Amino acid sequence: MRVANMHVQGLVSRIQAELISKKNDSNPYVAKEHLRERLVNTKLNKESAGHWTKAEKIIEEDSRVLVTPQLIHGQQMDCWRWVAN
């Protein structure tokens, strides 16, 4: 269980780093699905899928992150944006 929590915290840190790095871009939004595909192979590993779900919940409860739908290549996707200074 402790290793799982460490994995989740690692994912949270990687997600936050990605969001912060895009903060000042002309398009600072990051599609959750795109980020998940880059960071975790949830199709091959159910445990990783569970870790992603926990990390996703932590990110979405973070007041420094805006959760909003955005149109990406004509498809509406849930996106995250880092809004803190």
Protein backbone atom coordinates (compact mmCIF):
# COMPACT_ATOMS: atom_id res chain seq x y z
CA MET A 1 0.00 0.00 0.00
CA ARG A 2 2.80 2.41 0.85
CA VAL A 3 4.45 1.84 -2.55
CA ALA A 4 1.12 2.56 -4.26
CA ASN A 5 0.83 5.88 -2.40
CA MET A 6 4.36 6.78 -3.44
CA HIS A 7 3.46 5.98 -7.05
CA VAL A 8 0.35 8.19 -6.84
CA GLN A 9 2.34 11.06 -5.32
CA GLY A 10 4.92 10.66 -8.07
CA LEU A 11 2.18 10.94 -10.69
CA VAL A 12 0.75 14.01 -8.97
CA SER A 13 4.20 15.65 -9.02
CA ARG A 14 4.68 14.83 -12.71
CA ILE A 15 1.23 16.18 -13.60
CA GLN A 16 1.85 19.38 -11.63
CA ALA A 17 5.23 19.84 -13.30
CA GLU A 18 3.64 19.45 -16.74
CA LEU A 19 0.90 21.97 -15.92
CA ILE A 20 3.36 24.48 -14.47
CA SER A 21 5.62 24.16 -17.53
CA LYS A 22 2.69 25.14 -19.81
CA LYS A 23 1.44 27.92 -17.53
CA ASN A 24 2.74 30.77 -19.71
CA ASP A 25 2.16 29.12 -23.11
CA SER A 26 -0.29 30.62 -25.58
CA ASN A 27 -2.40 27.51 -24.92
CA PRO A 28 -1.85 26.59 -21.26
CA TYR A 29 -4.49 23.84 -21.22
CA VAL A 30 -3.50 20.18 -21.00
CA ALA A 31 -6.01 17.50 -22.00
CA LYS A 32 -6.30 14.95 -19.20
CA GLU A 33 -6.48 12.05 -21.65
CA HIS A 34 -3.36 13.15 -23.52
CA LEU A 35 -1.41 13.53 -20.31
CA ARG A 36 -2.60 10.16 -19.04
CA GLU A 37 -1.48 8.46 -22.24
CA ARG A 38 1.95 10.07 -21.93
CA LEU A 39 2.48 9.26 -18.24
CA VAL A 40 0.65 5.96 -17.66
CA ASN A 41 -0.14 2.93 -19.79
CA THR A 42 -3.55 2.25 -18.24
CA LYS A 43 -4.55 -0.20 -21.00
CA LEU A 44 -1.90 -2.73 -20.01
CA ASN A 45 -1.92 -2.33 -16.25
CA LYS A 46 -5.04 -2.10 -14.06
CA GLU A 47 -2.95 -1.07 -11.06
CA SER A 48 -1.57 1.92 -12.99
CA ALA A 49 -5.12 2.84 -13.98
CA GLY A 50 -6.07 2.93 -10.31
CA HIS A 51 -3.05 5.09 -9.51
CA TRP A 52 -4.03 7.49 -12.28
CA THR A 53 -7.59 7.75 -10.95
CA LYS A 54 -6.30 8.65 -7.48
CA ALA A 55 -3.81 11.18 -8.86
CA GLU A 56 -6.53 12.70 -11.06
CA LYS A 57 -8.76 13.22 -8.01
CA ILE A 58 -5.94 14.92 -6.10
CA ILE A 59 -5.21 17.25 -9.04
CA GLU A 60 -8.87 18.15 -9.51
CA GLU A 61 -9.21 19.01 -5.81
CA ASP A 62 -6.16 21.29 -5.99
CA SER A 63 -7.25 24.95 -5.90
CA ARG A 64 -4.26 25.87 -8.08
CA VAL A 65 -5.69 23.84 -10.98
CA LEU A 66 -8.59 24.90 -13.17
CA VAL A 67 -10.62 22.03 -14.65
CA THR A 68 -12.44 23.05 -17.80
CA PRO A 69 -13.63 21.59 -21.11
CA GLN A 70 -11.71 22.78 -24.18
CA LEU A 71 -12.10 22.12 -27.87
CA ILE A 72 -9.04 20.24 -29.13
CA HIS A 73 -8.94 19.37 -32.84
CA GLY A 74 -12.72 19.64 -32.94
CA GLN A 75 -13.28 17.36 -29.96
CA GLN A 76 -14.36 18.58 -26.53
CA MET A 77 -11.98 17.29 -23.86
CA ASP A 78 -11.62 17.86 -20.14
CA CYS A 79 -8.48 19.88 -19.56
CA TRP A 80 -6.37 21.12 -16.70
CA ARG A 81 -4.69 24.49 -16.38
CA TRP A 82 -2.30 25.68 -13.66
CA VAL A 83 -3.66 29.04 -12.43
CA ALA A 84 -1.43 29.75 -9.41
CA ASN A 85 1.50 32.15 -9.52
